[in-house]
N, C-alpha and C. Protein backbone atom coordinates (compact mmCIF):
# COMPACT_ATOMS: atom_id res chain seq x y z
N MET A 1 55.41 162.45 -24.65
CA MET A 1 55.72 161.19 -24.00
C MET A 1 54.41 160.47 -23.70
N LYS A 2 54.44 159.18 -23.75
CA LYS A 2 53.24 158.38 -23.52
C LYS A 2 52.83 158.43 -22.05
N SER A 3 51.57 158.13 -21.80
CA SER A 3 51.07 158.16 -20.42
C SER A 3 51.57 156.96 -19.64
N PHE A 4 51.48 157.06 -18.32
CA PHE A 4 51.99 156.01 -17.44
C PHE A 4 51.08 154.79 -17.48
N LYS A 5 51.69 153.64 -17.69
CA LYS A 5 50.97 152.36 -17.62
C LYS A 5 51.83 151.42 -16.80
N PHE A 6 51.20 150.84 -15.79
CA PHE A 6 51.91 149.89 -14.93
C PHE A 6 51.84 148.52 -15.57
N ARG A 7 52.98 147.93 -15.78
CA ARG A 7 53.09 146.67 -16.49
C ARG A 7 52.33 145.53 -15.79
N TYR A 8 52.34 145.56 -14.46
CA TYR A 8 51.74 144.47 -13.68
C TYR A 8 50.39 144.86 -13.08
N ASN A 9 49.69 145.76 -13.73
CA ASN A 9 48.41 146.23 -13.21
C ASN A 9 47.39 145.10 -13.09
N SER A 10 47.39 144.18 -14.04
CA SER A 10 46.44 143.07 -13.98
C SER A 10 46.72 142.18 -12.76
N ILE A 11 47.99 142.01 -12.43
CA ILE A 11 48.33 141.23 -11.24
C ILE A 11 47.88 141.96 -9.99
N LEU A 12 48.08 143.27 -9.97
CA LEU A 12 47.64 144.07 -8.83
C LEU A 12 46.12 143.97 -8.66
N LEU A 13 45.38 144.05 -9.74
CA LEU A 13 43.92 143.91 -9.67
C LEU A 13 43.52 142.52 -9.17
N LEU A 14 44.23 141.52 -9.62
CA LEU A 14 43.97 140.15 -9.17
C LEU A 14 44.23 140.01 -7.66
N LEU A 15 45.30 140.62 -7.18
CA LEU A 15 45.61 140.57 -5.75
C LEU A 15 44.55 141.32 -4.93
N GLU A 16 44.05 142.42 -5.48
CA GLU A 16 42.98 143.16 -4.78
C GLU A 16 41.70 142.32 -4.70
N LYS A 17 41.38 141.62 -5.80
CA LYS A 17 40.20 140.75 -5.79
C LYS A 17 40.38 139.61 -4.79
N LYS A 18 41.58 139.05 -4.75
CA LYS A 18 41.87 137.96 -3.82
C LYS A 18 41.72 138.45 -2.38
N GLU A 19 42.24 139.63 -2.10
CA GLU A 19 42.13 140.19 -0.75
C GLU A 19 40.67 140.44 -0.38
N ASN A 20 39.90 140.98 -1.30
CA ASN A 20 38.48 141.22 -1.04
C ASN A 20 37.73 139.91 -0.80
N ALA A 21 38.07 138.88 -1.57
CA ALA A 21 37.42 137.57 -1.38
C ALA A 21 37.73 137.01 0.01
N ILE A 22 38.97 137.18 0.44
CA ILE A 22 39.36 136.69 1.77
C ILE A 22 38.65 137.50 2.85
N LYS A 23 38.52 138.81 2.64
CA LYS A 23 37.78 139.64 3.60
C LYS A 23 36.32 139.20 3.70
N ASN A 24 35.72 138.89 2.55
CA ASN A 24 34.33 138.42 2.56
C ASN A 24 34.21 137.07 3.28
N LYS A 25 35.19 136.20 3.04
CA LYS A 25 35.20 134.90 3.71
C LYS A 25 35.34 135.08 5.22
N LEU A 26 36.20 135.99 5.63
CA LEU A 26 36.39 136.27 7.05
C LEU A 26 35.10 136.83 7.67
N ASN A 27 34.46 137.72 6.94
CA ASN A 27 33.21 138.30 7.43
C ASN A 27 32.13 137.23 7.60
N SER A 28 31.98 136.37 6.62
CA SER A 28 30.95 135.32 6.72
C SER A 28 31.28 134.33 7.84
N THR A 29 32.56 134.03 8.02
CA THR A 29 32.95 133.11 9.10
C THR A 29 32.72 133.76 10.47
N ASN A 30 32.96 135.06 10.56
CA ASN A 30 32.66 135.76 11.82
C ASN A 30 31.16 135.75 12.10
N ASN A 31 30.36 135.92 11.06
CA ASN A 31 28.91 135.85 11.24
C ASN A 31 28.48 134.45 11.69
N GLU A 32 29.10 133.44 11.09
CA GLU A 32 28.80 132.06 11.47
C GLU A 32 29.16 131.83 12.95
N LEU A 33 30.32 132.35 13.35
CA LEU A 33 30.74 132.21 14.75
C LEU A 33 29.75 132.90 15.69
N SER A 34 29.30 134.05 15.29
CA SER A 34 28.32 134.77 16.11
C SER A 34 27.03 133.95 16.28
N LEU A 35 26.57 133.34 15.19
CA LEU A 35 25.37 132.49 15.27
C LEU A 35 25.61 131.27 16.17
N LEU A 36 26.79 130.67 16.05
CA LEU A 36 27.11 129.52 16.90
C LEU A 36 27.13 129.91 18.37
N LYS A 37 27.68 131.06 18.67
CA LYS A 37 27.72 131.53 20.06
C LYS A 37 26.32 131.84 20.58
N ASP A 38 25.49 132.44 19.73
CA ASP A 38 24.11 132.72 20.13
C ASP A 38 23.37 131.42 20.45
N TYR A 39 23.55 130.42 19.60
CA TYR A 39 22.90 129.14 19.83
C TYR A 39 23.44 128.48 21.10
N HIS A 40 24.73 128.65 21.35
CA HIS A 40 25.34 128.12 22.57
C HIS A 40 24.70 128.76 23.81
N VAL A 41 24.48 130.05 23.76
CA VAL A 41 23.83 130.74 24.88
C VAL A 41 22.41 130.22 25.07
N GLU A 42 21.70 129.99 23.96
CA GLU A 42 20.35 129.43 24.05
C GLU A 42 20.37 128.05 24.70
N LEU A 43 21.32 127.23 24.32
CA LEU A 43 21.43 125.89 24.93
C LEU A 43 21.75 125.99 26.42
N MET A 44 22.62 126.90 26.78
CA MET A 44 22.95 127.08 28.20
C MET A 44 21.71 127.52 28.99
N ASN A 45 20.93 128.42 28.40
CA ASN A 45 19.69 128.86 29.07
C ASN A 45 18.69 127.70 29.17
N SER A 46 18.63 126.91 28.11
CA SER A 46 17.73 125.77 28.13
C SER A 46 18.15 124.76 29.20
N GLU A 47 19.45 124.52 29.32
CA GLU A 47 19.94 123.61 30.35
C GLU A 47 19.59 124.14 31.74
N LYS A 48 19.75 125.44 31.93
CA LYS A 48 19.41 126.04 33.22
C LYS A 48 17.92 125.88 33.50
N ASN A 49 17.11 126.08 32.47
CA ASN A 49 15.66 125.93 32.65
C ASN A 49 15.30 124.49 33.04
N TYR A 50 15.92 123.53 32.37
CA TYR A 50 15.65 122.13 32.71
C TYR A 50 16.13 121.81 34.13
N SER A 51 17.25 122.40 34.54
CA SER A 51 17.72 122.20 35.92
C SER A 51 16.73 122.77 36.91
N ASP A 52 16.19 123.96 36.61
CA ASP A 52 15.20 124.58 37.49
C ASP A 52 13.93 123.74 37.55
N VAL A 53 13.49 123.24 36.39
CA VAL A 53 12.28 122.40 36.35
C VAL A 53 12.51 121.12 37.14
N LEU A 54 13.69 120.53 36.98
CA LEU A 54 14.01 119.30 37.69
C LEU A 54 14.01 119.54 39.21
N ASN A 55 14.61 120.63 39.64
CA ASN A 55 14.62 120.95 41.07
C ASN A 55 13.21 121.20 41.59
N ASP A 56 12.39 121.91 40.80
CA ASP A 56 11.00 122.14 41.21
C ASP A 56 10.24 120.83 41.33
N LYS A 57 10.41 119.94 40.36
CA LYS A 57 9.72 118.66 40.38
C LYS A 57 10.17 117.80 41.57
N LEU A 58 11.49 117.84 41.84
CA LEU A 58 12.00 117.06 42.96
C LEU A 58 11.50 117.61 44.30
N ASN A 59 11.41 118.93 44.40
CA ASN A 59 10.93 119.55 45.65
C ASN A 59 9.43 119.37 45.84
N SER A 60 8.69 119.41 44.74
CA SER A 60 7.23 119.28 44.86
C SER A 60 6.79 117.82 44.90
N GLY A 61 7.65 116.95 44.51
CA GLY A 61 7.33 115.53 44.49
C GLY A 61 6.60 115.17 43.22
N CYS A 62 7.17 114.28 42.47
CA CYS A 62 6.56 113.85 41.22
C CYS A 62 6.96 112.41 40.96
N LYS A 63 6.46 111.89 39.87
CA LYS A 63 6.76 110.50 39.51
C LYS A 63 8.20 110.39 39.04
N LEU A 64 8.77 109.23 39.26
CA LEU A 64 10.15 108.95 38.88
C LEU A 64 10.33 109.03 37.36
N ASN A 65 9.32 108.65 36.62
CA ASN A 65 9.37 108.67 35.16
C ASN A 65 9.56 110.10 34.65
N GLN A 66 8.88 111.08 35.25
CA GLN A 66 9.04 112.48 34.84
C GLN A 66 10.45 112.97 35.14
N VAL A 67 10.98 112.60 36.29
CA VAL A 67 12.34 113.01 36.66
C VAL A 67 13.34 112.42 35.68
N LYS A 68 13.15 111.16 35.29
CA LYS A 68 14.06 110.52 34.33
C LYS A 68 14.00 111.23 32.98
N ASN A 69 12.78 111.57 32.53
CA ASN A 69 12.64 112.27 31.24
C ASN A 69 13.33 113.64 31.27
N ILE A 70 13.09 114.37 32.35
CA ILE A 70 13.71 115.70 32.46
C ILE A 70 15.23 115.56 32.51
N ASP A 71 15.72 114.61 33.28
CA ASP A 71 17.16 114.37 33.38
C ASP A 71 17.73 113.93 32.03
N TYR A 72 17.01 113.12 31.28
CA TYR A 72 17.44 112.69 29.94
C TYR A 72 17.57 113.89 29.01
N TYR A 73 16.58 114.78 29.01
CA TYR A 73 16.63 115.98 28.15
C TYR A 73 17.79 116.88 28.56
N LYS A 74 18.00 116.96 29.88
CA LYS A 74 19.10 117.79 30.37
C LYS A 74 20.44 117.23 29.88
N LYS A 75 20.61 115.92 29.91
CA LYS A 75 21.85 115.29 29.41
C LYS A 75 22.01 115.50 27.91
N GLN A 76 20.90 115.41 27.18
CA GLN A 76 20.94 115.65 25.74
C GLN A 76 21.39 117.09 25.45
N ILE A 77 20.89 118.02 26.22
CA ILE A 77 21.29 119.43 26.03
C ILE A 77 22.77 119.61 26.37
N LYS A 78 23.26 118.94 27.42
CA LYS A 78 24.69 119.01 27.74
C LYS A 78 25.54 118.49 26.59
N ASN A 79 25.11 117.40 25.98
CA ASN A 79 25.82 116.86 24.81
C ASN A 79 25.80 117.87 23.66
N MET A 80 24.66 118.50 23.46
CA MET A 80 24.56 119.50 22.40
C MET A 80 25.47 120.70 22.70
N ILE A 81 25.57 121.06 23.98
CA ILE A 81 26.45 122.16 24.37
C ILE A 81 27.91 121.81 24.07
N LEU A 82 28.30 120.58 24.39
CA LEU A 82 29.67 120.14 24.10
C LEU A 82 29.96 120.17 22.60
N GLU A 83 29.01 119.69 21.81
CA GLU A 83 29.17 119.71 20.35
C GLU A 83 29.24 121.15 19.84
N GLN A 84 28.44 122.00 20.43
CA GLN A 84 28.44 123.41 20.03
C GLN A 84 29.78 124.06 20.37
N ARG A 85 30.35 123.74 21.52
CA ARG A 85 31.67 124.26 21.88
C ARG A 85 32.74 123.80 20.90
N LYS A 86 32.65 122.54 20.48
CA LYS A 86 33.61 122.03 19.49
C LYS A 86 33.48 122.80 18.17
N LYS A 87 32.24 123.07 17.77
CA LYS A 87 32.02 123.83 16.53
C LYS A 87 32.57 125.25 16.67
N ILE A 88 32.39 125.84 17.85
CA ILE A 88 32.89 127.20 18.08
C ILE A 88 34.42 127.22 18.01
N ILE A 89 35.04 126.25 18.63
CA ILE A 89 36.52 126.18 18.61
C ILE A 89 37.02 125.97 17.18
N LYS A 90 36.35 125.10 16.45
CA LYS A 90 36.74 124.85 15.06
C LYS A 90 36.59 126.12 14.22
N THR A 91 35.51 126.84 14.42
CA THR A 91 35.28 128.08 13.67
C THR A 91 36.29 129.15 14.06
N GLU A 92 36.64 129.22 15.34
CA GLU A 92 37.66 130.19 15.77
C GLU A 92 39.02 129.87 15.15
N ASP A 93 39.34 128.60 15.05
CA ASP A 93 40.58 128.20 14.38
C ASP A 93 40.54 128.58 12.90
N GLU A 94 39.41 128.37 12.29
CA GLU A 94 39.25 128.74 10.88
C GLU A 94 39.42 130.25 10.70
N ILE A 95 38.87 131.03 11.61
CA ILE A 95 39.01 132.49 11.55
C ILE A 95 40.48 132.87 11.69
N PHE A 96 41.18 132.22 12.60
CA PHE A 96 42.61 132.48 12.77
C PHE A 96 43.38 132.22 11.48
N ASN A 97 43.08 131.10 10.83
CA ASN A 97 43.76 130.77 9.56
C ASN A 97 43.40 131.75 8.45
N ILE A 98 42.15 132.18 8.42
CA ILE A 98 41.74 133.16 7.40
C ILE A 98 42.45 134.48 7.63
N LYS A 99 42.61 134.87 8.89
CA LYS A 99 43.33 136.12 9.19
C LYS A 99 44.78 136.04 8.74
N LYS A 100 45.42 134.88 8.96
CA LYS A 100 46.79 134.71 8.48
C LYS A 100 46.84 134.83 6.96
N GLU A 101 45.88 134.22 6.29
CA GLU A 101 45.80 134.28 4.83
C GLU A 101 45.59 135.72 4.36
N LEU A 102 44.75 136.45 5.09
CA LEU A 102 44.49 137.85 4.75
C LEU A 102 45.74 138.71 4.92
N ILE A 103 46.50 138.44 5.95
CA ILE A 103 47.75 139.18 6.18
C ILE A 103 48.72 138.93 5.03
N GLU A 104 48.86 137.69 4.62
CA GLU A 104 49.75 137.35 3.50
C GLU A 104 49.29 138.03 2.20
N SER A 105 47.99 137.99 1.97
CA SER A 105 47.45 138.60 0.77
C SER A 105 47.68 140.12 0.79
N SER A 106 47.49 140.72 1.94
CA SER A 106 47.72 142.17 2.07
C SER A 106 49.18 142.52 1.82
N LYS A 107 50.09 141.68 2.31
CA LYS A 107 51.51 141.91 2.07
C LYS A 107 51.83 141.87 0.59
N GLU A 108 51.28 140.86 -0.10
CA GLU A 108 51.53 140.74 -1.54
C GLU A 108 51.00 141.97 -2.28
N LYS A 109 49.82 142.41 -1.90
CA LYS A 109 49.22 143.57 -2.56
C LYS A 109 50.04 144.83 -2.29
N LYS A 110 50.50 145.00 -1.06
CA LYS A 110 51.30 146.18 -0.72
C LYS A 110 52.62 146.19 -1.48
N ILE A 111 53.20 145.02 -1.67
CA ILE A 111 54.44 144.93 -2.44
C ILE A 111 54.20 145.43 -3.87
N MET A 112 53.12 144.97 -4.46
CA MET A 112 52.81 145.40 -5.84
C MET A 112 52.48 146.89 -5.89
N GLU A 113 51.76 147.39 -4.88
CA GLU A 113 51.45 148.82 -4.85
C GLU A 113 52.72 149.65 -4.71
N LYS A 114 53.65 149.18 -3.90
CA LYS A 114 54.92 149.88 -3.72
C LYS A 114 55.70 149.88 -5.04
N LEU A 115 55.69 148.74 -5.73
CA LEU A 115 56.36 148.66 -7.02
C LEU A 115 55.73 149.63 -8.02
N LYS A 116 54.42 149.69 -8.01
CA LYS A 116 53.71 150.62 -8.90
C LYS A 116 54.08 152.05 -8.57
N GLU A 117 54.15 152.36 -7.30
CA GLU A 117 54.51 153.71 -6.88
C GLU A 117 55.92 154.07 -7.34
N LYS A 118 56.86 153.14 -7.20
CA LYS A 118 58.24 153.38 -7.63
C LYS A 118 58.31 153.58 -9.14
N LYS A 119 57.59 152.73 -9.86
CA LYS A 119 57.58 152.86 -11.33
C LYS A 119 56.97 154.20 -11.75
N HIS A 120 55.96 154.65 -11.04
CA HIS A 120 55.32 155.93 -11.36
C HIS A 120 56.28 157.08 -11.09
N GLU A 121 57.01 157.02 -9.98
CA GLU A 121 58.00 158.04 -9.67
C GLU A 121 59.09 158.06 -10.74
N GLN A 122 59.52 156.88 -11.16
CA GLN A 122 60.53 156.79 -12.21
C GLN A 122 59.99 157.38 -13.52
N TYR A 123 58.75 157.11 -13.83
CA TYR A 123 58.11 157.67 -15.01
C TYR A 123 58.10 159.19 -14.94
N LEU A 124 57.75 159.74 -13.77
CA LEU A 124 57.69 161.19 -13.62
C LEU A 124 59.07 161.82 -13.80
N ILE A 125 60.09 161.17 -13.27
CA ILE A 125 61.45 161.68 -13.43
C ILE A 125 61.84 161.69 -14.91
N GLU A 126 61.58 160.59 -15.59
CA GLU A 126 61.90 160.50 -17.03
C GLU A 126 61.10 161.52 -17.82
N PHE A 127 59.85 161.72 -17.44
CA PHE A 127 59.01 162.70 -18.13
C PHE A 127 59.59 164.09 -17.96
N LYS A 128 60.00 164.40 -16.74
CA LYS A 128 60.57 165.73 -16.47
C LYS A 128 61.87 165.93 -17.23
N LEU A 129 62.71 164.89 -17.27
CA LEU A 129 63.97 164.98 -18.02
C LEU A 129 63.71 165.18 -19.51
N ASP A 130 62.76 164.46 -20.03
CA ASP A 130 62.41 164.59 -21.44
C ASP A 130 61.87 165.99 -21.74
N GLU A 131 61.07 166.49 -20.83
CA GLU A 131 60.52 167.83 -20.99
C GLU A 131 61.64 168.88 -20.96
N GLU A 132 62.58 168.74 -20.05
CA GLU A 132 63.70 169.67 -19.97
C GLU A 132 64.56 169.59 -21.23
N LYS A 133 64.75 168.41 -21.73
CA LYS A 133 65.53 168.22 -22.96
C LYS A 133 64.85 168.93 -24.13
N THR A 134 63.53 168.78 -24.21
CA THR A 134 62.78 169.43 -25.29
C THR A 134 62.88 170.95 -25.17
N ILE A 135 62.77 171.45 -23.95
CA ILE A 135 62.88 172.90 -23.74
C ILE A 135 64.27 173.39 -24.12
N ASP A 136 65.29 172.65 -23.73
CA ASP A 136 66.66 173.02 -24.09
C ASP A 136 66.84 173.05 -25.61
N GLN A 137 66.28 172.08 -26.29
CA GLN A 137 66.38 172.04 -27.75
C GLN A 137 65.70 173.25 -28.37
N LEU A 138 64.53 173.60 -27.83
CA LEU A 138 63.82 174.77 -28.34
C LEU A 138 64.62 176.04 -28.11
N VAL A 139 65.18 176.19 -26.93
CA VAL A 139 65.97 177.38 -26.61
C VAL A 139 67.20 177.44 -27.51
N THR A 140 67.87 176.33 -27.68
CA THR A 140 69.06 176.27 -28.53
C THR A 140 68.69 176.61 -29.98
N TYR A 141 67.61 176.06 -30.45
CA TYR A 141 67.17 176.33 -31.81
C TYR A 141 66.81 177.80 -31.97
N SER A 142 66.13 178.36 -31.00
CA SER A 142 65.74 179.76 -31.05
C SER A 142 66.97 180.66 -31.05
N ASN A 143 67.94 180.34 -30.21
CA ASN A 143 69.17 181.13 -30.17
C ASN A 143 69.94 181.02 -31.48
N SER A 144 69.99 179.86 -32.05
CA SER A 144 70.72 179.70 -33.32
C SER A 144 70.02 180.45 -34.44
N LEU A 145 68.70 180.50 -34.40
CA LEU A 145 67.98 181.29 -35.41
C LEU A 145 68.31 182.77 -35.27
N ARG A 146 68.36 183.26 -34.06
CA ARG A 146 68.70 184.68 -33.84
C ARG A 146 70.11 184.97 -34.34
N ARG A 147 71.04 184.10 -34.00
CA ARG A 147 72.42 184.30 -34.45
C ARG A 147 72.49 184.28 -35.98
N TRP A 148 71.82 183.34 -36.55
CA TRP A 148 71.83 183.23 -38.01
C TRP A 148 71.24 184.50 -38.63
N TYR A 149 70.19 185.00 -38.03
CA TYR A 149 69.56 186.23 -38.53
C TYR A 149 70.53 187.39 -38.42
N HIS A 150 71.22 187.51 -37.28
CA HIS A 150 72.17 188.61 -37.09
C HIS A 150 73.36 188.47 -38.03
N VAL A 151 73.84 187.27 -38.24
CA VAL A 151 74.97 187.05 -39.15
C VAL A 151 74.56 187.41 -40.57
N ARG A 152 73.41 187.02 -40.95
CA ARG A 152 72.92 187.30 -42.30
C ARG A 152 72.74 188.81 -42.50
N LYS A 153 72.25 189.46 -41.49
CA LYS A 153 72.04 190.90 -41.56
C LYS A 153 73.38 191.63 -41.69
N SER A 154 74.36 191.16 -40.91
CA SER A 154 75.68 191.80 -40.98
C SER A 154 76.35 191.51 -42.33
N ILE A 155 76.14 190.32 -42.89
CA ILE A 155 76.69 189.99 -44.20
C ILE A 155 76.05 190.88 -45.27
N SER A 156 74.77 191.08 -45.14
CA SER A 156 74.09 191.91 -46.14
C SER A 156 74.57 193.36 -46.05
N LYS A 157 74.98 193.83 -44.89
CA LYS A 157 75.53 195.19 -44.74
C LYS A 157 76.87 195.28 -45.46
N TRP A 158 77.64 194.27 -45.47
CA TRP A 158 78.96 194.28 -46.11
C TRP A 158 78.83 194.30 -47.62
N LYS A 159 77.81 193.70 -48.13
CA LYS A 159 77.65 193.59 -49.57
C LYS A 159 77.13 194.90 -50.17
N GLU A 160 76.51 195.73 -49.43
CA GLU A 160 75.85 196.93 -49.95
C GLU A 160 76.81 197.99 -50.49
N PRO A 161 77.97 198.24 -50.07
CA PRO A 161 78.77 199.38 -50.56
C PRO A 161 79.07 199.28 -52.00
């Protein structure tokens, strides 16, 4: 009997490649999110530093122009923080969508793997049946040869007198 070949193996391989591509996309998006969060933390620290500098300048007494500049930079950093938060939220939404896509891809792949498993089990059953049939034929043939030999021997005994 021929060896087992899954008819839809190329589709299964394609689904595996698709799933791996989605996993890679998810990984890179997670890395991007991590970088965005790190930068967000840096901006928050920078804002805190500017607040501390502003408080020090106000307590020690300085020119109004310096206070305006420091306050301007602090406002710019706040705007950057807001933009960074928007980017983080957008990236988190993208990760959520990629995870949904990965779940769907995994389901499709599992369906094909299950089909392959069923086809393989069916192949094994057919192989076993074919093997049993062949063994039965051999046993039947062997028994018929023995009978034929015994019949021929008994016939030859009758002819001898």
